[in-house]
Amino acid sequence: MANAPHTASQDPGPSPAVARRRVATATIVGSALEWYDFYLYASMAALVFGKIFFPQTDDAAGTMAAFATFAAGFLARPLGGIMFGHLADRIGRRNVLIITFVLMGISTGLIGLLPTYESVGVAAPVALVILRIFQGLGAGAEYSSAAVVAYEHADENRRGRQGAWPALGLNLGLLLSSLTVTVLTSLDEEILLTWGWRVPFVASFALAGVGLWVRSRVPESPDFHHSKKRQEGSAQQLPFVTLLRKQRRGLLVVLAVSLGYNALSYIFKTFSLAYLSDFQDVSASVGAFGVTLASATAIVTVPLFGWASDRFGSRKVLACGGVASALFAFPFFVLLDTRNSLVIWVCLIIATGVLAPAMFAPQGAFLSRQFPADVRVSGVGTGRELGAALSGGLAPLAALAIVGASATHATWGVSLMLIVGAVVVVIGAAFDQGTRPAASPAVRQDPDPDVTPGLTPDRDDAPVRQAH
């Protein structure tokens, strides 16, 4: 475990340029490996776990049970966001990045060693749920800590691009996991269900060592140091308590964006795999390869949307992504229902490679700027992970139930879910709290505990400030 960060007076740390390079490597590579673990579980829940960890009834029922364990990880994420967000605001962002990576790597590796239901009965799904919960705790703090570190090390006119680094890492992780699943699903089904699925999970033990070395080199955030200095000599408050007392509006904004985005994202890239396999009789490898192509596309589009956030404002890019997703809600299933491999791939590229990144890339800057530094990780982690638990984990389960309850497997109800999610994203963007002007030094030193210092606007408001 890393030691607590030194103060700036004790250790000046690397130069800003070196610090940014290390932060870029740590956020992109670390997030890629951590979300590789998380999405690997999502894919296996859709394709494998229902068959080997639950009593055999029919494929749809087994997949439903596997998605329930998938949702269990999401339900643990708010606890991880609150707990590790508190630690990040108290002991430093760097230490929490290391802790969460180790937690995720060990949990994922152990999943690969679990016995099946046929071998040990109900103990198998119970152990799977427990390890999934530990995965959720680690994932609950991953994005918020990484996004805040990238945001706080960024130049003012590059916060959109640097805030998109964790999103880039996430899509690299999705690409790596989808490539892995594509290879696995091309194997004989008996090999996949016996030992093939275990290989990428056990490999996480080795990947965790790589990520641990990378993250141990991350310098502590200057904003964290300044926040601790401002609090010296004053009564220490729990970041979570301060968040609920003074930053409720920002918390609601983050919650709304997370609710809408996660519902859209996980229907696009997780439910679609189960829908194609269980209801359209499309080979699992077709959907897996489509997600692979979409992930490769997102690696290109995420930096572009990060640049657009600096050019036009993260709020506007986020809202445009929500509007475009609403317009694509019904065409999405029309294209999937063709059962044509090429058409399915194009559909998944549009949904997961373009529309989801349009909403995700701006979030690093947009969500971080809703809060002051002393509660920033707590705010982003709590709001985002509550939204993820309520919609990201339950949306694929609800979508599967809607389609399964229909005699004709109609999908119009799922399309309406997509539209509602998109509208919620746009509403969250509209109530952005980061547009308030920055407080003057005198205001920042105001001893009144009920006065919250203003937030420093990002590039969203540069044209507005120039006009005034």
Protein backbone atom coordinates (compact mmCIF):
# COMPACT_ATOMS: atom_id res chain seq x y z
CA MET A 1 0.00 0.00 0.00
CA ALA A 2 1.25 3.47 -0.82
CA ASN A 3 2.17 5.85 1.92
CA ALA A 4 0.13 8.97 2.55
CA PRO A 5 1.13 11.76 0.17
CA HIS A 6 3.72 14.26 1.25
CA THR A 7 2.87 17.90 1.39
CA ALA A 8 4.18 20.22 -1.26
CA SER A 9 6.77 21.64 1.15
CA GLN A 10 8.16 18.17 1.83
CA ASP A 11 8.24 16.95 -1.73
CA PRO A 12 7.98 19.36 -4.67
CA GLY A 13 7.22 16.42 -6.93
CA PRO A 14 7.79 16.18 -10.67
CA SER A 15 7.50 19.10 -13.06
CA PRO A 16 3.99 19.88 -14.39
CA ALA A 17 4.82 18.33 -17.79
CA VAL A 18 6.15 15.11 -16.22
CA ALA A 19 3.19 15.03 -13.82
CA ARG A 20 0.73 15.29 -16.71
CA ARG A 21 2.45 12.45 -18.58
CA ARG A 22 2.33 10.22 -15.51
CA VAL A 23 -1.30 11.12 -14.87
CA ALA A 24 -2.16 10.38 -18.49
CA THR A 25 -0.49 6.97 -18.30
CA ALA A 26 -2.03 6.12 -14.94
CA THR A 27 -5.56 7.17 -15.85
CA ILE A 28 -5.60 5.65 -19.35
CA VAL A 29 -3.72 2.40 -18.68
CA GLY A 30 -5.10 1.93 -15.17
CA SER A 31 -8.68 2.60 -16.22
CA ALA A 32 -8.29 0.32 -19.24
CA LEU A 33 -7.17 -2.62 -17.11
CA GLU A 34 -9.76 -2.00 -14.40
CA TRP A 35 -12.68 -1.67 -16.80
CA TYR A 36 -11.42 -4.66 -18.77
CA ASP A 37 -12.16 -6.62 -15.60
CA PHE A 38 -15.57 -5.03 -15.13
CA TYR A 39 -16.78 -5.43 -18.72
CA LEU A 40 -15.41 -8.95 -18.98
CA TYR A 41 -17.89 -9.90 -16.27
CA ALA A 42 -20.70 -8.13 -18.16
CA SER A 43 -20.02 -10.12 -21.32
CA MET A 44 -19.70 -13.42 -19.49
CA ALA A 45 -22.93 -12.70 -17.61
CA ALA A 46 -24.68 -12.38 -20.95
CA LEU A 47 -23.10 -15.43 -22.57
CA VAL A 48 -21.76 -17.95 -20.01
CA PHE A 49 -22.64 -17.48 -16.34
CA GLY A 50 -26.33 -18.27 -16.73
CA LYS A 51 -25.38 -21.75 -17.97
CA ILE A 52 -22.73 -22.70 -15.39
CA PHE A 53 -23.59 -20.90 -12.14
CA PHE A 54 -27.38 -21.35 -11.96
CA PRO A 55 -29.80 -24.30 -12.07
CA GLN A 56 -30.67 -25.14 -15.63
CA THR A 57 -34.20 -24.21 -16.69
CA ASP A 58 -33.96 -22.36 -19.99
CA ASP A 59 -31.40 -20.01 -21.51
CA ALA A 60 -33.42 -16.83 -20.93
CA ALA A 61 -34.00 -17.64 -17.24
CA GLY A 62 -30.33 -18.42 -16.71
CA THR A 63 -29.30 -15.19 -18.41
CA MET A 64 -31.78 -13.29 -16.24
CA ALA A 65 -30.18 -14.76 -13.12
CA ALA A 66 -26.69 -13.90 -14.40
CA PHE A 67 -27.78 -10.32 -15.06
CA ALA A 68 -29.04 -10.19 -11.48
CA THR A 69 -25.47 -10.84 -10.29
CA PHE A 70 -24.32 -8.20 -12.77
CA ALA A 71 -26.71 -5.78 -11.08
CA ALA A 72 -25.32 -6.76 -7.65
CA GLY A 73 -22.00 -5.19 -8.62
CA PHE A 74 -23.78 -1.97 -9.53
CA LEU A 75 -25.61 -1.93 -6.22
CA ALA A 76 -22.24 -2.05 -4.45
CA ARG A 77 -20.84 0.83 -6.49
CA PRO A 78 -22.48 3.66 -4.50
CA LEU A 79 -20.91 2.31 -1.32
CA GLY A 80 -17.56 2.24 -3.07
CA GLY A 81 -18.09 5.77 -4.39
CA ILE A 82 -19.00 7.12 -0.95
CA MET A 83 -16.36 5.23 1.01
CA PHE A 84 -13.40 5.69 -1.34
CA GLY A 85 -14.52 9.20 -2.32
CA HIS A 86 -14.30 10.13 1.35
CA LEU A 87 -10.80 8.62 1.52
CA ALA A 88 -9.69 10.40 -1.66
CA ASP A 89 -10.75 13.76 -0.25
CA ARG A 90 -9.07 12.99 3.10
CA ILE A 91 -5.85 11.05 2.34
CA GLY A 92 -5.34 11.83 -1.35
CA ARG A 93 -6.45 10.74 -4.80
CA ARG A 94 -3.27 8.74 -5.53
CA ASN A 95 -3.66 6.32 -2.64
CA VAL A 96 -7.26 5.55 -3.54
CA LEU A 97 -6.34 4.87 -7.17
CA ILE A 98 -3.93 2.19 -5.92
CA ILE A 99 -6.39 0.65 -3.44
CA THR A 100 -9.23 0.32 -5.93
CA PHE A 101 -6.98 -1.22 -8.57
CA VAL A 102 -5.76 -3.94 -6.23
CA LEU A 103 -9.32 -4.66 -5.08
CA MET A 104 -10.61 -5.02 -8.62
CA GLY A 105 -7.70 -7.16 -9.84
CA ILE A 106 -7.88 -9.67 -6.99
CA SER A 107 -11.69 -9.97 -7.16
CA THR A 108 -11.64 -10.60 -10.91
CA GLY A 109 -8.86 -13.17 -10.69
CA LEU A 110 -10.70 -15.11 -8.01
CA ILE A 111 -13.85 -15.28 -10.18
CA GLY A 112 -11.81 -17.29 -12.66
CA LEU A 113 -11.09 -19.88 -9.95
CA LEU A 114 -14.69 -20.44 -8.82
CA PRO A 115 -16.30 -23.88 -9.05
CA THR A 116 -19.56 -24.20 -11.00
CA TYR A 117 -23.09 -24.92 -9.75
CA GLU A 118 -22.73 -28.50 -10.94
CA SER A 119 -19.72 -28.96 -8.64
CA VAL A 120 -20.74 -27.23 -5.40
CA GLY A 121 -24.37 -26.24 -5.82
CA VAL A 122 -25.67 -22.95 -4.45
CA ALA A 123 -22.26 -22.02 -3.02
CA ALA A 124 -21.10 -21.23 -6.57
CA PRO A 125 -23.55 -18.39 -7.33
CA VAL A 126 -23.18 -17.09 -3.76
CA ALA A 127 -19.40 -16.82 -4.15
CA LEU A 128 -19.90 -15.22 -7.57
CA VAL A 129 -22.17 -12.55 -6.09
CA ILE A 130 -19.71 -11.81 -3.26
CA LEU A 131 -16.80 -11.32 -5.65
CA ARG A 132 -19.01 -9.24 -7.94
CA ILE A 133 -19.80 -6.99 -4.98
CA PHE A 134 -16.08 -6.48 -4.34
CA GLN A 135 -15.68 -5.65 -8.02
CA GLY A 136 -18.44 -3.10 -7.61
CA LEU A 137 -16.73 -1.49 -4.61
CA GLY A 138 -13.54 -1.02 -6.63
CA ALA A 139 -15.35 0.22 -9.73
CA GLY A 140 -17.38 2.62 -7.57
CA ALA A 141 -14.32 4.76 -6.95
CA GLU A 142 -12.36 4.13 -10.14
CA TYR A 143 -13.85 6.61 -12.56
CA SER A 144 -14.41 9.42 -10.07
CA SER A 145 -10.85 9.29 -8.71
CA ALA A 146 -9.27 8.99 -12.16
CA ALA A 147 -11.42 11.73 -13.69
CA VAL A 148 -10.77 14.15 -10.84
CA VAL A 149 -7.00 13.51 -10.96
CA ALA A 150 -6.96 14.18 -14.72
CA TYR A 151 -9.13 17.29 -14.30
CA GLU A 152 -7.06 18.73 -11.45
CA HIS A 153 -3.76 18.30 -13.30
CA ALA A 154 -5.12 19.89 -16.50
CA ASP A 155 -4.50 23.35 -17.91
CA GLU A 156 -7.66 25.45 -17.87
CA ASN A 157 -8.08 25.29 -21.65
CA ARG A 158 -7.51 21.51 -21.84
CA ARG A 159 -9.82 20.21 -19.13
CA GLY A 160 -12.17 18.64 -21.64
CA ARG A 161 -9.41 16.70 -23.38
CA GLN A 162 -7.63 15.62 -20.21
CA GLY A 163 -10.89 14.93 -18.40
CA ALA A 164 -11.64 12.47 -21.23
CA TRP A 165 -8.58 10.32 -20.43
CA PRO A 166 -10.50 7.94 -18.12
CA ALA A 167 -13.18 7.58 -20.81
CA LEU A 168 -10.45 6.67 -23.29
CA GLY A 169 -9.06 4.12 -20.85
CA LEU A 170 -12.53 2.72 -20.27
CA ASN A 171 -13.03 2.14 -23.99
CA LEU A 172 -9.58 0.58 -24.31
CA GLY A 173 -10.66 -1.79 -21.54
CA LEU A 174 -13.92 -2.50 -23.35
CA LEU A 175 -11.96 -3.16 -26.56
CA LEU A 176 -9.61 -5.54 -24.76
CA SER A 177 -12.48 -7.40 -23.07
CA SER A 178 -14.58 -7.58 -26.25
CA LEU A 179 -11.60 -8.90 -28.24
CA THR A 180 -11.15 -11.50 -25.53
CA VAL A 181 -14.82 -12.45 -25.70
CA THR A 182 -14.70 -12.58 -29.50
CA VAL A 183 -11.85 -15.07 -29.35
CA LEU A 184 -13.57 -17.12 -26.65
CA THR A 185 -16.91 -17.27 -28.47
CA SER A 186 -15.17 -18.50 -31.61
CA LEU A 187 -14.07 -21.60 -29.67
CA ASP A 188 -16.13 -24.74 -29.32
CA GLU A 189 -18.96 -24.10 -26.85
CA GLU A 190 -17.85 -26.96 -24.61
CA ILE A 191 -14.37 -25.45 -24.30
CA LEU A 192 -15.86 -22.02 -23.55
CA LEU A 193 -18.14 -23.34 -20.82
CA THR A 194 -15.54 -25.58 -19.15
CA TRP A 195 -12.22 -23.73 -18.99
CA GLY A 196 -12.05 -21.16 -21.80
CA TRP A 197 -13.97 -18.45 -19.93
CA ARG A 198 -11.62 -18.75 -16.93
CA VAL A 199 -8.43 -17.75 -18.74
CA PRO A 200 -9.03 -13.97 -19.02
CA PHE A 201 -10.23 -13.77 -15.42
CA VAL A 202 -7.16 -15.49 -14.00
CA ALA A 203 -4.97 -13.29 -16.23
CA SER A 204 -6.18 -10.32 -14.17
CA PHE A 205 -3.72 -11.28 -11.44
CA ALA A 206 -0.85 -10.44 -13.80
CA LEU A 207 -2.54 -7.33 -15.20
CA ALA A 208 -3.03 -6.03 -11.66
CA GLY A 209 0.74 -6.00 -11.17
CA VAL A 210 1.22 -3.83 -14.24
CA GLY A 211 -1.47 -1.37 -13.20
CA LEU A 212 -0.15 -1.19 -9.65
CA TRP A 213 3.30 -0.12 -10.88
CA VAL A 214 1.79 2.51 -13.20
CA ARG A 215 -0.42 4.03 -10.52
CA SER A 216 2.29 4.11 -7.88
CA ARG A 217 4.02 6.78 -10.02
CA VAL A 218 1.06 9.18 -10.04
CA PRO A 219 1.83 12.54 -8.35
CA GLU A 220 -0.72 13.86 -5.91
CA SER A 221 -3.13 16.49 -7.19
CA PRO A 222 -2.15 20.14 -6.55
CA ASP A 223 -5.81 20.95 -5.85
CA PHE A 224 -5.79 18.35 -3.07
CA HIS A 225 -2.69 19.96 -1.51
CA HIS A 226 -4.28 23.43 -1.70
CA SER A 227 -7.52 22.11 -0.22
CA LYS A 228 -5.69 20.58 2.74
CA LYS A 229 -3.77 23.83 3.32
CA ARG A 230 -7.00 25.85 3.36
CA GLN A 231 -8.41 23.49 5.96
CA GLU A 232 -5.39 23.67 8.27
CA GLY A 233 -6.35 25.08 11.66
CA SER A 234 -10.08 24.80 10.95
CA ALA A 235 -12.51 22.18 12.19
CA GLN A 236 -12.30 19.08 10.01
CA GLN A 237 -15.61 17.97 8.51
CA LEU A 238 -16.39 14.68 6.85
CA PRO A 239 -16.39 15.27 3.08
CA PHE A 240 -19.63 13.31 2.67
CA VAL A 241 -21.38 15.41 5.32
CA THR A 242 -20.11 18.62 3.73
CA LEU A 243 -21.31 17.34 0.36
CA LEU A 244 -24.86 16.78 1.61
CA ARG A 245 -24.97 20.11 3.44
CA LYS A 246 -23.55 22.43 0.81
CA GLN A 247 -23.44 20.71 -2.57
CA ARG A 248 -26.85 19.13 -3.03
CA ARG A 249 -27.53 20.82 -6.36
CA GLY A 250 -24.28 19.63 -7.87
CA LEU A 251 -24.99 16.15 -6.53
CA LEU A 252 -28.40 16.10 -8.22
CA VAL A 253 -26.85 17.20 -11.53
CA VAL A 254 -24.29 14.38 -11.40
CA LEU A 255 -26.99 11.90 -10.40
CA ALA A 256 -29.21 12.87 -13.34
CA VAL A 257 -26.42 12.60 -15.90
CA SER A 258 -25.36 9.23 -14.49
CA LEU A 259 -28.91 7.86 -14.41
CA GLY A 260 -29.52 8.66 -18.05
CA TYR A 261 -26.10 7.80 -19.42
CA ASN A 262 -25.75 4.42 -17.72
CA ALA A 263 -29.20 3.28 -18.81
CA LEU A 264 -28.34 4.13 -22.42
CA SER A 265 -24.83 2.75 -22.34
CA TYR A 266 -25.59 -0.64 -20.81
CA ILE A 267 -28.62 -1.27 -23.00
CA PHE A 268 -26.49 -0.42 -26.02
CA LYS A 269 -23.55 -2.67 -25.20
CA THR A 270 -24.76 -5.29 -22.70
CA PHE A 271 -28.45 -5.99 -23.23
CA SER A 272 -27.93 -6.01 -27.00
CA LEU A 273 -25.65 -9.06 -26.70
CA ALA A 274 -28.26 -11.05 -24.80
CA TYR A 275 -31.05 -9.83 -27.10
CA LEU A 276 -29.24 -10.97 -30.24
CA SER A 277 -28.25 -14.30 -28.74
CA ASP A 278 -31.47 -15.25 -26.89
CA PHE A 279 -34.21 -13.67 -29.00
CA GLN A 280 -32.79 -13.30 -32.52
CA ASP A 281 -30.73 -16.51 -32.72
CA VAL A 282 -27.68 -14.53 -33.80
CA SER A 283 -24.31 -16.08 -32.98
CA ALA A 284 -22.75 -14.66 -29.82
CA SER A 285 -19.55 -13.95 -31.73
CA VAL A 286 -21.41 -11.49 -34.01
CA GLY A 287 -22.47 -9.25 -31.13
CA ALA A 288 -19.11 -9.56 -29.38
CA PHE A 289 -17.24 -8.55 -32.54
CA GLY A 290 -19.66 -5.64 -33.02
CA VAL A 291 -18.78 -4.33 -29.55
CA THR A 292 -15.11 -4.78 -30.45
CA LEU A 293 -15.54 -2.61 -33.55
CA ALA A 294 -17.51 -0.07 -31.54
CA SER A 295 -14.79 0.08 -28.89
CA ALA A 296 -12.13 0.63 -31.53
CA THR A 297 -14.25 3.47 -32.92
CA ALA A 298 -14.65 5.00 -29.46
CA ILE A 299 -10.88 5.16 -29.05
CA VAL A 300 -10.96 7.66 -31.91
CA THR A 301 -14.17 9.50 -31.01
CA VAL A 302 -13.48 10.00 -27.28
CA PRO A 303 -10.50 12.36 -27.87
CA LEU A 304 -12.53 14.18 -30.52
CA PHE A 305 -15.40 14.76 -28.11
CA GLY A 306 -12.88 15.80 -25.45
CA TRP A 307 -11.53 18.41 -27.87
CA ALA A 308 -15.09 19.49 -28.67
CA SER A 309 -15.69 19.99 -24.94
CA ASP A 310 -12.83 22.49 -24.82
CA ARG A 311 -14.00 24.17 -28.00
CA PHE A 312 -17.77 24.33 -27.43
CA GLY A 313 -18.24 23.40 -23.76
CA SER A 314 -18.70 20.07 -22.02
CA ARG A 315 -22.33 20.92 -21.22
CA LYS A 316 -23.24 21.39 -24.88
CA VAL A 317 -21.44 18.25 -26.07
CA LEU A 318 -23.13 16.20 -23.35
CA ALA A 319 -26.59 17.53 -24.25
CA CYS A 320 -26.07 16.92 -27.97
CA GLY A 321 -25.10 13.32 -27.24
CA GLY A 322 -28.32 12.87 -25.28
CA VAL A 323 -30.49 14.29 -28.07
CA ALA A 324 -28.82 12.11 -30.70
CA SER A 325 -29.30 9.01 -28.54
CA ALA A 326 -33.02 9.71 -28.20
CA LEU A 327 -33.32 9.96 -31.98
CA PHE A 328 -31.56 6.61 -32.36
CA ALA A 329 -33.71 4.71 -29.83
CA PHE A 330 -36.09 3.08 -32.32
CA PRO A 331 -33.66 2.70 -35.27
CA PHE A 332 -31.32 0.83 -32.89
CA PHE A 333 -33.63 -2.20 -32.69
CA VAL A 334 -34.75 -1.94 -36.30
CA LEU A 335 -31.13 -2.47 -37.30
CA LEU A 336 -30.53 -5.28 -34.79
CA ASP A 337 -33.67 -7.10 -35.97
CA THR A 338 -32.27 -7.47 -39.49
CA ARG A 339 -30.01 -10.26 -38.14
CA ASN A 340 -27.51 -9.18 -40.76
CA SER A 341 -24.00 -9.21 -39.31
CA LEU A 342 -22.80 -6.12 -41.19
CA VAL A 343 -25.89 -4.11 -40.26
CA ILE A 344 -25.59 -5.19 -36.61
CA TRP A 345 -21.95 -4.08 -36.53
CA VAL A 346 -22.83 -0.67 -37.98
CA CYS A 347 -25.63 -0.33 -35.42
CA LEU A 348 -23.31 -1.10 -32.48
CA ILE A 349 -20.63 1.23 -33.84
CA ILE A 350 -23.12 4.11 -33.95
CA ALA A 351 -24.53 3.38 -30.47
CA THR A 352 -21.42 2.38 -28.51
CA GLY A 353 -18.70 3.93 -30.67
CA VAL A 354 -20.23 7.37 -31.29
CA LEU A 355 -23.31 8.18 -29.20
CA ALA A 356 -22.09 6.79 -25.86
CA PRO A 357 -18.68 8.54 -26.16
CA ALA A 358 -20.45 11.79 -27.02
CA MET A 359 -22.08 11.64 -23.58
CA PHE A 360 -19.15 10.06 -21.73
CA ALA A 361 -16.09 11.99 -22.93
CA PRO A 362 -17.35 15.37 -21.58
CA GLN A 363 -18.18 13.91 -18.17
CA GLY A 364 -14.64 14.07 -16.78
CA ALA A 365 -14.68 17.86 -16.95
CA PHE A 366 -18.42 18.34 -16.54
CA LEU A 367 -18.88 16.24 -13.39
CA SER A 368 -15.65 17.40 -11.72
CA ARG A 369 -16.51 21.06 -12.08
CA GLN A 370 -19.74 20.67 -10.15
CA PHE A 371 -17.83 20.59 -6.82
CA PRO A 372 -14.98 22.37 -4.98
CA ALA A 373 -11.78 20.38 -4.40
CA ASP A 374 -12.48 19.44 -0.78
CA VAL A 375 -15.50 17.30 -1.74
CA ARG A 376 -14.85 16.75 -5.44
CA VAL A 377 -14.17 13.01 -5.48
CA SER A 378 -16.93 12.39 -2.94
CA GLY A 379 -19.39 14.36 -5.07
CA VAL A 380 -18.51 12.75 -8.38
CA GLY A 381 -18.26 9.26 -6.88
CA THR A 382 -21.48 9.44 -4.88
CA GLY A 383 -23.69 10.97 -7.56
CA ARG A 384 -22.29 8.97 -10.44
CA GLU A 385 -22.37 5.61 -8.69
CA LEU A 386 -25.86 6.09 -7.28
CA GLY A 387 -27.01 6.71 -10.83
CA ALA A 388 -25.07 3.71 -12.10
CA ALA A 389 -26.61 1.46 -9.47
CA LEU A 390 -30.16 2.63 -10.17
CA SER A 391 -30.00 2.50 -13.95
CA GLY A 392 -26.84 0.84 -15.24
CA GLY A 393 -27.30 -2.36 -13.28
CA LEU A 394 -31.08 -2.55 -13.53
CA ALA A 395 -31.67 -1.28 -17.07
CA PRO A 396 -30.42 -4.44 -18.86
CA LEU A 397 -32.42 -6.56 -16.41
CA ALA A 398 -35.57 -4.50 -16.98
CA ALA A 399 -35.05 -4.54 -20.75
CA LEU A 400 -34.67 -8.32 -20.71
CA ALA A 401 -37.86 -8.64 -18.66
CA ILE A 402 -39.79 -6.36 -21.05
CA VAL A 403 -38.77 -8.30 -24.14
CA GLY A 404 -39.20 -11.69 -22.46
CA ALA A 405 -42.74 -10.81 -21.29
CA SER A 406 -43.84 -10.03 -24.84
CA ALA A 407 -45.17 -12.94 -26.88
CA THR A 408 -43.57 -11.43 -29.97
CA HIS A 409 -40.43 -10.18 -28.15
CA ALA A 410 -41.39 -6.59 -28.93
CA THR A 411 -38.71 -3.98 -28.19
CA TRP A 412 -40.68 -0.73 -28.28
CA GLY A 413 -40.71 -0.61 -24.47
CA VAL A 414 -36.90 -0.75 -24.41
CA SER A 415 -36.75 2.03 -26.99
CA LEU A 416 -38.89 4.17 -24.67
CA MET A 417 -36.41 3.41 -21.88
CA LEU A 418 -33.62 4.73 -24.11
CA ILE A 419 -35.54 7.93 -24.83
CA VAL A 420 -36.24 8.54 -21.13
CA GLY A 421 -32.56 8.03 -20.34
CA ALA A 422 -31.54 10.51 -23.03
CA VAL A 423 -33.99 13.14 -21.74
CA VAL A 424 -32.60 12.78 -18.21
CA VAL A 425 -29.06 13.39 -19.53
CA VAL A 426 -30.16 16.59 -21.26
CA ILE A 427 -31.95 17.80 -18.11
CA GLY A 428 -28.81 17.18 -16.04
CA ALA A 429 -26.70 19.14 -18.51
CA ALA A 430 -29.17 22.02 -18.44
CA PHE A 431 -28.79 22.46 -14.67
CA ASP A 432 -24.99 22.60 -14.73
CA GLN A 433 -23.69 24.12 -11.47
CA GLY A 434 -20.18 24.75 -12.82
CA THR A 435 -21.19 27.93 -14.61
CA ARG A 436 -21.14 29.99 -11.42
CA PRO A 437 -18.31 32.54 -11.39
CA ALA A 438 -15.20 31.78 -9.39
CA ALA A 439 -15.10 33.28 -5.93
CA SER A 440 -12.53 35.94 -5.13
CA PRO A 441 -9.73 35.13 -2.64
CA ALA A 442 -11.60 37.08 0.06
CA VAL A 443 -14.70 34.98 -0.45
CA ARG A 444 -12.68 31.75 -0.44
CA GLN A 445 -11.38 32.65 3.02
CA ASP A 446 -14.83 33.39 4.40
CA PRO A 447 -15.02 31.62 7.79
CA ASP A 448 -18.78 31.15 7.57
CA PRO A 449 -19.22 27.35 7.36
CA ASP A 450 -22.53 27.68 5.52
CA VAL A 451 -21.01 29.62 2.62
CA THR A 452 -19.67 27.45 -0.15
CA PRO A 453 -16.90 28.97 -2.28
CA GLY A 454 -17.81 29.40 -5.93
CA LEU A 455 -16.46 26.99 -8.51
CA THR A 456 -13.90 27.88 -11.15
CA PRO A 457 -15.68 27.65 -14.50
CA ASP A 458 -14.15 25.55 -17.25
CA ARG A 459 -14.10 26.47 -20.92
CA ASP A 460 -17.93 26.27 -21.19
CA ASP A 461 -18.22 29.82 -19.95
CA ALA A 462 -15.29 31.51 -21.64
CA PRO A 463 -17.46 33.03 -24.42
CA VAL A 464 -19.99 34.19 -21.81
CA ARG A 465 -17.28 35.86 -19.69
CA GLN A 466 -15.81 37.54 -22.77
CA ALA A 467 -19.23 38.86 -23.78
CA HIS A 468 -19.81 40.34 -20.33
